[in-house]
Amino acid sequence: MKSLNVYSALVVLFLTYGAAMATKENDQIIKDNNCETKMGLPCVLEAFTSIFKTGTISSKCCGELVGLGKVCHSALVKKTLENPLFKDLSPARIIAKSIQTWNNCLALIDSPSPSA
């Protein structure tokens, strides 16, 4: 359901504390661009898994991720990395996976669909 927004879902599921640790810059980007309302919960979970764990992201969710926009995508990933729950993760590795996921989705969305 689209009424659940991107980061309220992640806060409830993954970021039960420490959300206030995000930098003001990322918070402002997220607020100014209305980033928290642009993806549905199932796609948030797919994107999160593909970046912070091991998983794939469907073409439907790639469409939502690209629709979210690169600025929002980057700010949300950085905000999540600032959470103490993720302190043991390598920021460089997560940023690299974030860029890879973004580029893969962009290529998928930009490629012409196969004709039937």
PDB file of N, CA and C in Angstrom:
ATOM      1  N   MET A   1       0.845  -1.176   0.000  1.00  0.00           N
ATOM      2  CA  MET A   1       0.000   0.000   0.000  1.00  0.00           C
ATOM      3  C   MET A   1       0.887   1.235   0.000  1.00  0.00           C
ATOM      4  N   LYS A   2       0.640   2.117  -0.945  1.00  0.00           N
ATOM      5  CA  LYS A   2       1.478   3.288  -1.108  1.00  0.00           C
ATOM      6  C   LYS A   2       1.387   4.248   0.068  1.00  0.00           C
ATOM      7  N   SER A   3       0.344   4.126   0.895  1.00  0.00           N
ATOM      8  CA  SER A   3       0.218   5.066   2.000  1.00  0.00           C
ATOM      9  C   SER A   3       1.326   4.886   3.025  1.00  0.00           C
ATOM     10  N   LEU A   4       1.906   3.701   3.073  1.00  0.00           N
ATOM     11  CA  LEU A   4       3.094   3.535   3.921  1.00  0.00           C
ATOM     12  C   LEU A   4       4.251   4.156   3.174  1.00  0.00           C
ATOM     13  N   ASN A   5       5.023   4.970   3.848  1.00  0.00           N
ATOM     14  CA  ASN A   5       6.088   5.615   3.114  1.00  0.00           C
ATOM     15  C   ASN A   5       7.428   4.946   3.371  1.00  0.00           C
ATOM     16  N   VAL A   6       8.378   5.302   2.542  1.00  0.00           N
ATOM     17  CA  VAL A   6       9.679   4.659   2.521  1.00  0.00           C
ATOM     18  C   VAL A   6      10.325   4.587   3.883  1.00  0.00           C
ATOM     19  N   TYR A   7      10.537   5.710   4.503  1.00  0.00           N
ATOM     20  CA  TYR A   7      11.323   5.643   5.718  1.00  0.00           C
ATOM     21  C   TYR A   7      10.528   5.358   6.973  1.00  0.00           C
ATOM     22  N   SER A   8       9.234   5.587   6.950  1.00  0.00           N
ATOM     23  CA  SER A   8       8.482   5.157   8.128  1.00  0.00           C
ATOM     24  C   SER A   8       8.502   3.647   8.192  1.00  0.00           C
ATOM     25  N   ALA A   9       8.444   2.997   7.025  1.00  0.00           N
ATOM     26  CA  ALA A   9       8.510   1.539   6.992  1.00  0.00           C
ATOM     27  C   ALA A   9       9.870   1.047   7.469  1.00  0.00           C
ATOM     28  N   LEU A  10      10.927   1.658   6.980  1.00  0.00           N
ATOM     29  CA  LEU A  10      12.264   1.229   7.417  1.00  0.00           C
ATOM     30  C   LEU A  10      12.495   1.530   8.884  1.00  0.00           C
ATOM     31  N   VAL A  11      11.985   2.655   9.349  1.00  0.00           N
ATOM     32  CA  VAL A  11      12.142   2.981  10.768  1.00  0.00           C
ATOM     33  C   VAL A  11      11.452   1.924  11.614  1.00  0.00           C
ATOM     34  N   VAL A  12      10.229   1.568  11.244  1.00  0.00           N
ATOM     35  CA  VAL A  12       9.490   0.566  12.008  1.00  0.00           C
ATOM     36  C   VAL A  12      10.188  -0.782  11.952  1.00  0.00           C
ATOM     37  N   LEU A  13      10.655  -1.175  10.770  1.00  0.00           N
ATOM     38  CA  LEU A  13      11.204  -2.519  10.613  1.00  0.00           C
ATOM     39  C   LEU A  13      12.673  -2.647  10.991  1.00  0.00           C
ATOM     40  N   PHE A  14      13.461  -1.655  10.669  1.00  0.00           N
ATOM     41  CA  PHE A  14      14.910  -1.808  10.810  1.00  0.00           C
ATOM     42  C   PHE A  14      15.570  -0.778  11.705  1.00  0.00           C
ATOM     43  N   LEU A  15      14.962   0.363  11.846  1.00  0.00           N
ATOM     44  CA  LEU A  15      15.622   1.470  12.508  1.00  0.00           C
ATOM     45  C   LEU A  15      14.862   1.900  13.750  1.00  0.00           C
ATOM     46  N   THR A  16      14.627   0.962  14.646  1.00  0.00           N
ATOM     47  CA  THR A  16      13.768   1.246  15.781  1.00  0.00           C
ATOM     48  C   THR A  16      14.342   2.299  16.716  1.00  0.00           C
ATOM     49  N   TYR A  17      15.604   2.537  16.628  1.00  0.00           N
ATOM     50  CA  TYR A  17      16.169   3.640  17.395  1.00  0.00           C
ATOM     51  C   TYR A  17      17.282   4.258  16.580  1.00  0.00           C
ATOM     52  N   GLY A  18      17.644   5.434  16.891  1.00  0.00           N
ATOM     53  CA  GLY A  18      18.778   6.080  16.241  1.00  0.00           C
ATOM     54  C   GLY A  18      18.447   6.857  14.978  1.00  0.00           C
ATOM     55  N   ALA A  19      17.198   6.931  14.590  1.00  0.00           N
ATOM     56  CA  ALA A  19      16.870   7.660  13.367  1.00  0.00           C
ATOM     57  C   ALA A  19      17.249   9.131  13.490  1.00  0.00           C
ATOM     58  N   ALA A  20      17.244   9.635  14.708  1.00  0.00           N
ATOM     59  CA  ALA A  20      17.603  11.030  14.918  1.00  0.00           C
ATOM     60  C   ALA A  20      19.088  11.288  14.697  1.00  0.00           C
ATOM     61  N   MET A  21      19.875  10.244  14.524  1.00  0.00           N
ATOM     62  CA  MET A  21      21.302  10.385  14.316  1.00  0.00           C
ATOM     63  C   MET A  21      21.646  10.870  12.905  1.00  0.00           C
ATOM     64  N   ALA A  22      20.694  10.855  12.005  1.00  0.00           N
ATOM     65  CA  ALA A  22      20.972  11.281  10.636  1.00  0.00           C
ATOM     66  C   ALA A  22      21.404  12.739  10.616  1.00  0.00           C
ATOM     67  N   THR A  23      22.269  13.048   9.677  1.00  0.00           N
ATOM     68  CA  THR A  23      22.724  14.435   9.585  1.00  0.00           C
ATOM     69  C   THR A  23      21.585  15.329   9.144  1.00  0.00           C
ATOM     70  N   LYS A  24      21.675  16.578   9.517  1.00  0.00           N
ATOM     71  CA  LYS A  24      20.661  17.544   9.118  1.00  0.00           C
ATOM     72  C   LYS A  24      20.594  17.670   7.598  1.00  0.00           C
ATOM     73  N   GLU A  25      21.739  17.512   6.943  1.00  0.00           N
ATOM     74  CA  GLU A  25      21.764  17.630   5.485  1.00  0.00           C
ATOM     75  C   GLU A  25      20.896  16.552   4.839  1.00  0.00           C
ATOM     76  N   ASN A  26      21.096  15.289   5.230  1.00  0.00           N
ATOM     77  CA  ASN A  26      20.281  14.213   4.671  1.00  0.00           C
ATOM     78  C   ASN A  26      18.815  14.383   5.042  1.00  0.00           C
ATOM     79  N   ASP A  27      18.562  14.773   6.284  1.00  0.00           N
ATOM     80  CA  ASP A  27      17.183  15.002   6.707  1.00  0.00           C
ATOM     81  C   ASP A  27      16.534  16.088   5.857  1.00  0.00           C
ATOM     82  N   GLN A  28      17.264  17.151   5.576  1.00  0.00           N
ATOM     83  CA  GLN A  28      16.717  18.259   4.786  1.00  0.00           C
ATOM     84  C   GLN A  28      16.455  17.823   3.347  1.00  0.00           C
ATOM     85  N   ILE A  29      17.371  17.057   2.776  1.00  0.00           N
ATOM     86  CA  ILE A  29      17.177  16.548   1.412  1.00  0.00           C
ATOM     87  C   ILE A  29      15.924  15.677   1.362  1.00  0.00           C
ATOM     88  N   ILE A  30      15.797  14.794   2.336  1.00  0.00           N
ATOM     89  CA  ILE A  30      14.652  13.884   2.385  1.00  0.00           C
ATOM     90  C   ILE A  30      13.350  14.671   2.528  1.00  0.00           C
ATOM     91  N   LYS A  31      13.372  15.671   3.382  1.00  0.00           N
ATOM     92  CA  LYS A  31      12.178  16.492   3.599  1.00  0.00           C
ATOM     93  C   LYS A  31      11.852  17.331   2.365  1.00  0.00           C
ATOM     94  N   ASP A  32      12.849  18.033   1.839  1.00  0.00           N
ATOM     95  CA  ASP A  32      12.627  18.933   0.704  1.00  0.00           C
ATOM     96  C   ASP A  32      12.129  18.204  -0.540  1.00  0.00           C
ATOM     97  N   ASN A  33      12.566  16.959  -0.716  1.00  0.00           N
ATOM     98  CA  ASN A  33      12.202  16.197  -1.916  1.00  0.00           C
ATOM     99  C   ASN A  33      11.057  15.222  -1.681  1.00  0.00           C
ATOM    100  N   ASN A  34      10.476  15.270  -0.483  1.00  0.00           N
ATOM    101  CA  ASN A  34       9.356  14.390  -0.162  1.00  0.00           C
ATOM    102  C   ASN A  34       9.710  12.920  -0.430  1.00  0.00           C
ATOM    103  N   CYS A  35      10.933  12.545  -0.100  1.00  0.00           N
ATOM    104  CA  CYS A  35      11.462  11.217  -0.415  1.00  0.00           C
ATOM    105  C   CYS A  35      10.711  10.082   0.269  1.00  0.00           C
ATOM    106  N   GLU A  36      10.128  10.351   1.398  1.00  0.00           N
ATOM    107  CA  GLU A  36       9.540   9.285   2.207  1.00  0.00           C
ATOM    108  C   GLU A  36       8.215   8.761   1.685  1.00  0.00           C
ATOM    109  N   THR A  37       7.697   9.343   0.627  1.00  0.00           N
ATOM    110  CA  THR A  37       6.385   8.916   0.141  1.00  0.00           C
ATOM    111  C   THR A  37       6.422   8.352  -1.272  1.00  0.00           C
ATOM    112  N   LYS A  38       7.588   8.136  -1.814  1.00  0.00           N
ATOM    113  CA  LYS A  38       7.688   7.809  -3.229  1.00  0.00           C
ATOM    114  C   LYS A  38       7.797   6.319  -3.565  1.00  0.00           C
ATOM    115  N   MET A  39       7.910   5.449  -2.572  1.00  0.00           N
ATOM    116  CA  MET A  39       7.989   4.006  -2.837  1.00  0.00           C
ATOM    117  C   MET A  39       7.046   3.259  -1.901  1.00  0.00           C
ATOM    118  N   GLY A  40       6.512   2.157  -2.395  1.00  0.00           N
ATOM    119  CA  GLY A  40       5.688   1.300  -1.561  1.00  0.00           C
ATOM    120  C   GLY A  40       6.557   0.385  -0.696  1.00  0.00           C
ATOM    121  N   LEU A  41       5.978  -0.123   0.372  1.00  0.00           N
ATOM    122  CA  LEU A  41       6.713  -0.958   1.322  1.00  0.00           C
ATOM    123  C   LEU A  41       7.366  -2.187   0.686  1.00  0.00           C
ATOM    124  N   PRO A  42       6.686  -2.949  -0.169  1.00  0.00           N
ATOM    125  CA  PRO A  42       7.358  -4.125  -0.751  1.00  0.00           C
ATOM    126  C   PRO A  42       8.634  -3.751  -1.513  1.00  0.00           C
ATOM    127  N   CYS A  43       8.601  -2.645  -2.226  1.00  0.00           N
ATOM    128  CA  CYS A  43       9.785  -2.217  -2.979  1.00  0.00           C
ATOM    129  C   CYS A  43      10.859  -1.635  -2.070  1.00  0.00           C
ATOM    130  N   VAL A  44      10.457  -0.983  -0.994  1.00  0.00           N
ATOM    131  CA  VAL A  44      11.424  -0.511  -0.001  1.00  0.00           C
ATOM    132  C   VAL A  44      12.216  -1.699   0.530  1.00  0.00           C
ATOM    133  N   LEU A  45      11.499  -2.755   0.863  1.00  0.00           N
ATOM    134  CA  LEU A  45      12.156  -3.944   1.412  1.00  0.00           C
ATOM    135  C   LEU A  45      13.082  -4.595   0.393  1.00  0.00           C
ATOM    136  N   GLU A  46      12.662  -4.675  -0.863  1.00  0.00           N
ATOM    137  CA  GLU A  46      13.520  -5.240  -1.908  1.00  0.00           C
ATOM    138  C   GLU A  46      14.785  -4.411  -2.092  1.00  0.00           C
ATOM    139  N   ALA A  47      14.621  -3.093  -2.159  1.00  0.00           N
ATOM    140  CA  ALA A  47      15.785  -2.225  -2.340  1.00  0.00           C
ATOM    141  C   ALA A  47      16.716  -2.324  -1.141  1.00  0.00           C
ATOM    142  N   PHE A  48      16.146  -2.307   0.057  1.00  0.00           N
ATOM    143  CA  PHE A  48      16.950  -2.425   1.271  1.00  0.00           C
ATOM    144  C   PHE A  48      17.751  -3.722   1.258  1.00  0.00           C
ATOM    145  N   THR A  49      17.095  -4.823   0.926  1.00  0.00           N
ATOM    146  CA  THR A  49      17.760  -6.129   0.904  1.00  0.00           C
ATOM    147  C   THR A  49      18.859  -6.172  -0.142  1.00  0.00           C
ATOM    148  N   SER A  50      18.612  -5.596  -1.305  1.00  0.00           N
ATOM    149  CA  SER A  50      19.629  -5.641  -2.357  1.00  0.00           C
ATOM    150  C   SER A  50      20.852  -4.790  -2.023  1.00  0.00           C
ATOM    151  N   ILE A  51      20.669  -3.780  -1.184  1.00  0.00           N
ATOM    152  CA  ILE A  51      21.779  -2.886  -0.842  1.00  0.00           C
ATOM    153  C   ILE A  51      22.456  -3.285   0.464  1.00  0.00           C
ATOM    154  N   PHE A  52      21.681  -3.561   1.486  1.00  0.00           N
ATOM    155  CA  PHE A  52      22.245  -3.808   2.818  1.00  0.00           C
ATOM    156  C   PHE A  52      22.432  -5.284   3.145  1.00  0.00           C
ATOM    157  N   LYS A  53      21.867  -6.145   2.347  1.00  0.00           N
ATOM    158  CA  LYS A  53      22.019  -7.588   2.554  1.00  0.00           C
ATOM    159  C   LYS A  53      22.362  -8.210   1.211  1.00  0.00           C
ATOM    160  N   THR A  54      21.812  -9.372   0.928  1.00  0.00           N
ATOM    161  CA  THR A  54      22.018 -10.018  -0.367  1.00  0.00           C
ATOM    162  C   THR A  54      20.657 -10.329  -0.951  1.00  0.00           C
ATOM    163  N   GLY A  55      20.399  -9.795  -2.099  1.00  0.00           N
ATOM    164  CA  GLY A  55      19.116 -10.031  -2.734  1.00  0.00           C
ATOM    165  C   GLY A  55      19.042  -9.311  -4.060  1.00  0.00           C
ATOM    166  N   THR A  56      17.931  -9.512  -4.716  1.00  0.00           N
ATOM    167  CA  THR A  56      17.720  -8.866  -6.010  1.00  0.00           C
ATOM    168  C   THR A  56      16.532  -7.914  -5.900  1.00  0.00           C
ATOM    169  N   ILE A  57      16.420  -7.079  -6.884  1.00  0.00           N
ATOM    170  CA  ILE A  57      15.321  -6.127  -6.934  1.00  0.00           C
ATOM    171  C   ILE A  57      14.590  -6.333  -8.258  1.00  0.00           C
ATOM    172  N   SER A  58      13.282  -6.448  -8.186  1.00  0.00           N
ATOM    173  CA  SER A  58      12.457  -6.713  -9.366  1.00  0.00           C
ATOM    174  C   SER A  58      12.408  -5.487 -10.282  1.00  0.00           C
ATOM    175  N   SER A  59      11.986  -5.719 -11.516  1.00  0.00           N
ATOM    176  CA  SER A  59      11.879  -4.604 -12.451  1.00  0.00           C
ATOM    177  C   SER A  59      10.818  -3.606 -11.974  1.00  0.00           C
ATOM    178  N   LYS A  60       9.736  -4.093 -11.359  1.00  0.00           N
ATOM    179  CA  LYS A  60       8.716  -3.199 -10.816  1.00  0.00           C
ATOM    180  C   LYS A  60       9.334  -2.279  -9.768  1.00  0.00           C
ATOM    181  N   CYS A  61      10.107  -2.874  -8.862  1.00  0.00           N
ATOM    182  CA  CYS A  61      10.717  -2.072  -7.795  1.00  0.00           C
ATOM    183  C   CYS A  61      11.839  -1.192  -8.331  1.00  0.00           C
ATOM    184  N   CYS A  62      12.507  -1.637  -9.381  1.00  0.00           N
ATOM    185  CA  CYS A  62      13.492  -0.764 -10.027  1.00  0.00           C
ATOM    186  C   CYS A  62      12.810   0.490 -10.551  1.00  0.00           C
ATOM    187  N   GLY A  63      11.623   0.312 -11.110  1.00  0.00           N
ATOM    188  CA  GLY A  63      10.866   1.467 -11.596  1.00  0.00           C
ATOM    189  C   GLY A  63      10.542   2.435 -10.471  1.00  0.00           C
ATOM    190  N   GLU A  64      10.160   1.888  -9.309  1.00  0.00           N
ATOM    191  CA  GLU A  64       9.867   2.754  -8.166  1.00  0.00           C
ATOM    192  C   GLU A  64      11.139   3.422  -7.646  1.00  0.00           C
ATOM    193  N   LEU A  65      12.248   2.682  -7.638  1.00  0.00           N
ATOM    194  CA  LEU A  65      13.515   3.246  -7.167  1.00  0.00           C
ATOM    195  C   LEU A  65      13.966   4.389  -8.065  1.00  0.00           C
ATOM    196  N   VAL A  66      13.904   4.178  -9.372  1.00  0.00           N
ATOM    197  CA  VAL A  66      14.286   5.234 -10.311  1.00  0.00           C
ATOM    198  C   VAL A  66      13.318   6.417 -10.188  1.00  0.00           C
ATOM    199  N   GLY A  67      12.047   6.126  -9.962  1.00  0.00           N
ATOM    200  CA  GLY A  67      11.064   7.183  -9.745  1.00  0.00           C
ATOM    201  C   GLY A  67      11.342   7.979  -8.476  1.00  0.00           C
ATOM    202  N   LEU A  68      11.936   7.324  -7.496  1.00  0.00           N
ATOM    203  CA  LEU A  68      12.330   7.987  -6.255  1.00  0.00           C
ATOM    204  C   LEU A  68      13.345   9.085  -6.548  1.00  0.00           C
ATOM    205  N   GLY A  69      14.245   8.801  -7.478  1.00  0.00           N
ATOM    206  CA  GLY A  69      15.272   9.759  -7.864  1.00  0.00           C
ATOM    207  C   GLY A  69      16.586   9.492  -7.146  1.00  0.00           C
ATOM    208  N   LYS A  70      17.672   9.827  -7.817  1.00  0.00           N
ATOM    209  CA  LYS A  70      19.008   9.545  -7.286  1.00  0.00           C
ATOM    210  C   LYS A  70      19.302  10.332  -6.013  1.00  0.00           C
ATOM    211  N   VAL A  71      18.847  11.574  -5.947  1.00  0.00           N
ATOM    212  CA  VAL A  71      19.100  12.404  -4.773  1.00  0.00           C
ATOM    213  C   VAL A  71      18.457  11.773  -3.538  1.00  0.00           C
ATOM    214  N   CYS A  72      17.188  11.383  -3.667  1.00  0.00           N
ATOM    215  CA  CYS A  72      16.497  10.738  -2.545  1.00  0.00           C
ATOM    216  C   CYS A  72      17.144   9.401  -2.211  1.00  0.00           C
ATOM    217  N   HIS A  73      17.439   8.611  -3.226  1.00  0.00           N
ATOM    218  CA  HIS A  73      18.063   7.306  -3.017  1.00  0.00           C
ATOM    219  C   HIS A  73      19.353   7.451  -2.209  1.00  0.00           C
ATOM    220  N   SER A  74      20.209   8.346  -2.625  1.00  0.00           N
ATOM    221  CA  SER A  74      21.493   8.541  -1.934  1.00  0.00           C
ATOM    222  C   SER A  74      21.295   9.034  -0.500  1.00  0.00           C
ATOM    223  N   ALA A  75      20.399   9.988  -0.323  1.00  0.00           N
ATOM    224  CA  ALA A  75      20.158  10.533   1.022  1.00  0.00           C
ATOM    225  C   ALA A  75      19.598   9.470   1.962  1.00  0.00           C
ATOM    226  N   LEU A  76      18.695   8.640   1.470  1.00  0.00           N
ATOM    227  CA  LEU A  76      18.104   7.592   2.307  1.00  0.00           C
ATOM    228  C   LEU A  76      19.122   6.520   2.669  1.00  0.00           C
ATOM    229  N   VAL A  77      19.990   6.162   1.728  1.00  0.00           N
ATOM    230  CA  VAL A  77      21.039   5.178   2.022  1.00  0.00           C
ATOM    231  C   VAL A  77      21.999   5.754   3.066  1.00  0.00           C
ATOM    232  N   LYS A  78      22.408   6.996   2.891  1.00  0.00           N
ATOM    233  CA  LYS A  78      23.326   7.626   3.845  1.00  0.00           C
ATOM    234  C   LYS A  78      22.697   7.752   5.221  1.00  0.00           C
ATOM    235  N   LYS A  79      21.421   8.097   5.256  1.00  0.00           N
ATOM    236  CA  LYS A  79      20.719   8.207   6.538  1.00  0.00           C
ATOM    237  C   LYS A  79      20.691   6.846   7.239  1.00  0.00           C
ATOM    238  N   THR A  80      20.434   5.801   6.493  1.00  0.00           N
ATOM    239  CA  THR A  80      20.405   4.457   7.071  1.00  0.00           C
ATOM    240  C   THR A  80      21.783   4.070   7.593  1.00  0.00           C
ATOM    241  N   LEU A  81      22.827   4.396   6.862  1.00  0.00           N
ATOM    242  CA  LEU A  81      24.196   4.074   7.296  1.00  0.00           C
ATOM    243  C   LEU A  81      24.574   4.761   8.601  1.00  0.00           C
ATOM    244  N   GLU A  82      23.963   5.878   8.882  1.00  0.00           N
ATOM    245  CA  GLU A  82      24.266   6.612  10.116  1.00  0.00           C
ATOM    246  C   GLU A  82      23.652   5.957  11.354  1.00  0.00           C
ATOM    247  N   ASN A  83      22.751   5.030  11.151  1.00  0.00           N
ATOM    248  CA  ASN A  83      22.091   4.367  12.265  1.00  0.00           C
ATOM    249  C   ASN A  83      23.045   3.405  12.961  1.00  0.00           C
ATOM    250  N   PRO A  84      23.094   3.415  14.285  1.00  0.00           N
ATOM    251  CA  PRO A  84      23.989   2.517  15.026  1.00  0.00           C
ATOM    252  C   PRO A  84      23.757   1.030  14.737  1.00  0.00           C
ATOM    253  N   LEU A  85      22.562   0.668  14.301  1.00  0.00           N
ATOM    254  CA  LEU A  85      22.307  -0.737  13.967  1.00  0.00           C
ATOM    255  C   LEU A  85      23.198  -1.232  12.838  1.00  0.00           C
ATOM    256  N   PHE A  86      23.695  -0.316  12.027  1.00  0.00           N
ATOM    257  CA  PHE A  86      24.487  -0.686  10.867  1.00  0.00           C
ATOM    258  C   PHE A  86      25.960  -0.306  11.006  1.00  0.00           C
ATOM    259  N   LYS A  87      26.410  -0.095  12.236  1.00  0.00           N
ATOM    260  CA  LYS A  87      27.785   0.362  12.477  1.00  0.00           C
ATOM    261  C   LYS A  87      28.836  -0.648  12.045  1.00  0.00           C
ATOM    262  N   ASP A  88      28.486  -1.936  11.991  1.00  0.00           N
ATOM    263  CA  ASP A  88      29.457  -2.952  11.604  1.00  0.00           C
ATOM    264  C   ASP A  88      29.571  -3.136  10.095  1.00  0.00           C
ATOM    265  N   LEU A  89      28.730  -2.471   9.335  1.00  0.00           N
ATOM    266  CA  LEU A  89      28.793  -2.566   7.881  1.00  0.00           C
ATOM    267  C   LEU A  89      29.835  -1.608   7.338  1.00  0.00           C
ATOM    268  N   SER A  90      30.432  -1.991   6.243  1.00  0.00           N
ATOM    269  CA  SER A  90      31.402  -1.120   5.585  1.00  0.00           C
ATOM    270  C   SER A  90      30.657  -0.066   4.761  1.00  0.00           C
ATOM    271  N   PRO A  91      30.769   1.207   5.144  1.00  0.00           N
ATOM    272  CA  PRO A  91      30.088   2.247   4.357  1.00  0.00           C
ATOM    273  C   PRO A  91      30.500   2.240   2.887  1.00  0.00           C
ATOM    274  N   ALA A  92      31.766   2.012   2.614  1.00  0.00           N
ATOM    275  CA  ALA A  92      32.230   1.990   1.220  1.00  0.00           C
ATOM    276  C   ALA A  92      31.552   0.862   0.435  1.00  0.00           C
ATOM    277  N   ARG A  93      31.412  -0.284   1.069  1.00  0.00           N
ATOM    278  CA  ARG A  93      30.771  -1.431   0.416  1.00  0.00           C
ATOM    279  C   ARG A  93      29.283  -1.146   0.169  1.00  0.00           C
ATOM    280  N   ILE A  94      28.620  -0.556   1.162  1.00  0.00           N
ATOM    281  CA  ILE A  94      27.197  -0.253   1.023  1.00  0.00           C
ATOM    282  C   ILE A  94      26.977   0.817  -0.047  1.00  0.00           C
ATOM    283  N   ILE A  95      27.804   1.837  -0.057  1.00  0.00           N
ATOM    284  CA  ILE A  95      27.688   2.872  -1.089  1.00  0.00           C
ATOM    285  C   ILE A  95      27.909   2.262  -2.472  1.00  0.00           C
ATOM    286  N   ALA A  96      28.888   1.375  -2.584  1.00  0.00           N
ATOM    287  CA  ALA A  96      29.145   0.705  -3.870  1.00  0.00           C
ATOM    288  C   ALA A  96      27.935  -0.133  -4.297  1.00  0.00           C
ATOM    289  N   LYS A  97      27.341  -0.871  -3.353  1.00  0.00           N
ATOM    290  CA  LYS A  97      26.155  -1.671  -3.680  1.00  0.00           C
ATOM    291  C   LYS A  97      24.973  -0.777  -4.029  1.00  0.00           C
ATOM    292  N   SER A  98      24.885   0.358  -3.361  1.00  0.00           N
ATOM    293  CA  SER A  98      23.825   1.315  -3.650  1.00  0.00           C
ATOM    294  C   SER A  98      23.953   1.846  -5.080  1.00  0.00           C
ATOM    295  N   ILE A  99      25.154   2.220  -5.456  1.00  0.00           N
ATOM    296  CA  ILE A  99      25.409   2.717  -6.812  1.00  0.00           C
ATOM    297  C   ILE A  99      25.144   1.622  -7.839  1.00  0.00           C
ATOM    298  N   GLN A 100      25.593   0.404  -7.533  1.00  0.00           N
ATOM    299  CA  GLN A 100      25.377  -0.725  -8.442  1.00  0.00           C
ATOM    300  C   GLN A 100      23.875  -0.989  -8.623  1.00  0.00           C
ATOM    301  N   THR A 101      23.130  -0.992  -7.520  1.00  0.00           N
ATOM    302  CA  THR A 101      21.687  -1.213  -7.606  1.00  0.00           C
ATOM    303  C   THR A 101      21.036  -0.109  -8.427  1.00  0.00           C
ATOM    304  N   TRP A 102      21.411   1.135  -8.163  1.00  0.00           N
ATOM    305  CA  TRP A 102      20.865   2.269  -8.912  1.00  0.00           C
ATOM    306  C   TRP A 102      21.157   2.121 -10.406  1.00  0.00           C
ATOM    307  N   ASN A 103      22.422   1.858 -10.754  1.00  0.00           N
ATOM    308  CA  ASN A 103      22.813   1.734 -12.161  1.00  0.00           C
ATOM    309  C   ASN A 103      22.112   0.565 -12.848  1.00  0.00           C
ATOM    310  N   ASN A 104      21.994  -0.565 -12.147  1.00  0.00           N
ATOM    311  CA  ASN A 104      21.294  -1.718 -12.714  1.00  0.00           C
ATOM    312  C   ASN A 104      19.827  -1.384 -12.981  1.00  0.00           C
ATOM    313  N   CYS A 105      19.203  -0.721 -12.028  1.00  0.00           N
ATOM    314  CA  CYS A 105      17.800  -0.338 -12.196  1.00  0.00           C
ATOM    315  C   CYS A 105      17.631   0.673 -13.319  1.00  0.00           C
ATOM    316  N   LEU A 106      18.513   1.639 -13.375  1.00  0.00           N
ATOM    317  CA  LEU A 106      18.447   2.648 -14.429  1.00  0.00           C
ATOM    318  C   LEU A 106      18.575   1.998 -15.799  1.00  0.00           C
ATOM    319  N   ALA A 107      19.515   1.064 -15.938  1.00  0.00           N
ATOM    320  CA  ALA A 107      19.706   0.362 -17.209  1.00  0.00           C
ATOM    321  C   ALA A 107      18.466  -0.469 -17.545  1.00  0.00           C
ATOM    322  N   LEU A 108      17.882  -1.114 -16.555  1.00  0.00           N
ATOM    323  CA  LEU A 108      16.697  -1.928 -16.777  1.00  0.00           C
ATOM    324  C   LEU A 108      15.516  -1.081 -17.215  1.00  0.00           C
ATOM    325  N   ILE A 109      15.339   0.054 -16.575  1.00  0.00           N
ATOM    326  CA  ILE A 109      14.222   0.945 -16.891  1.00  0.00           C
ATOM    327  C   ILE A 109      14.417   1.620 -18.256  1.00  0.00           C
ATOM    328  N   ASP A 110      15.653   1.955 -18.569  1.00  0.00           N
ATOM    329  CA  ASP A 110      15.953   2.639 -19.837  1.00  0.00           C
ATOM    330  C   ASP A 110      15.983   1.706 -21.030  1.00  0.00           C
ATOM    331  N   SER A 111      16.145   0.395 -20.784  1.00  0.00           N
ATOM    332  CA  SER A 111      16.225  -0.541 -21.901  1.00  0.00           C
ATOM    333  C   SER A 111      14.834  -0.798 -22.463  1.00  0.00           C
ATOM    334  N   PRO A 112      14.756  -0.961 -23.774  1.00  0.00           N
ATOM    335  CA  PRO A 112      13.435  -1.224 -24.363  1.00  0.00           C
ATOM    336  C   PRO A 112      12.935  -2.605 -23.928  1.00  0.00           C
ATOM    337  N   SER A 113      11.646  -2.688 -23.696  1.00  0.00           N
ATOM    338  CA  SER A 113      11.101  -3.984 -23.287  1.00  0.00           C
ATOM    339  C   SER A 113      11.040  -4.910 -24.492  1.00  0.00           C
ATOM    340  N   PRO A 114      11.254  -6.211 -24.262  1.00  0.00           N
ATOM    341  CA  PRO A 114      11.233  -7.156 -25.377  1.00  0.00           C
ATOM    342  C   PRO A 114       9.819  -7.216 -25.986  1.00  0.00           C
ATOM    343  N   SER A 115       9.778  -7.290 -27.304  1.00  0.00           N
ATOM    344  CA  SER A 115       8.466  -7.362 -27.942  1.00  0.00           C
ATOM    345  C   SER A 115       7.977  -8.804 -27.949  1.00  0.00           C
ATOM    346  N   ALA A 116       6.686  -8.967 -27.856  1.00  0.00           N
ATOM    347  CA  ALA A 116       6.102 -10.303 -27.771  1.00  0.00           C
ATOM    348  C   ALA A 116       5.821 -10.869 -29.129  1.00  0.00           C
TER     349      ALA A 116
END
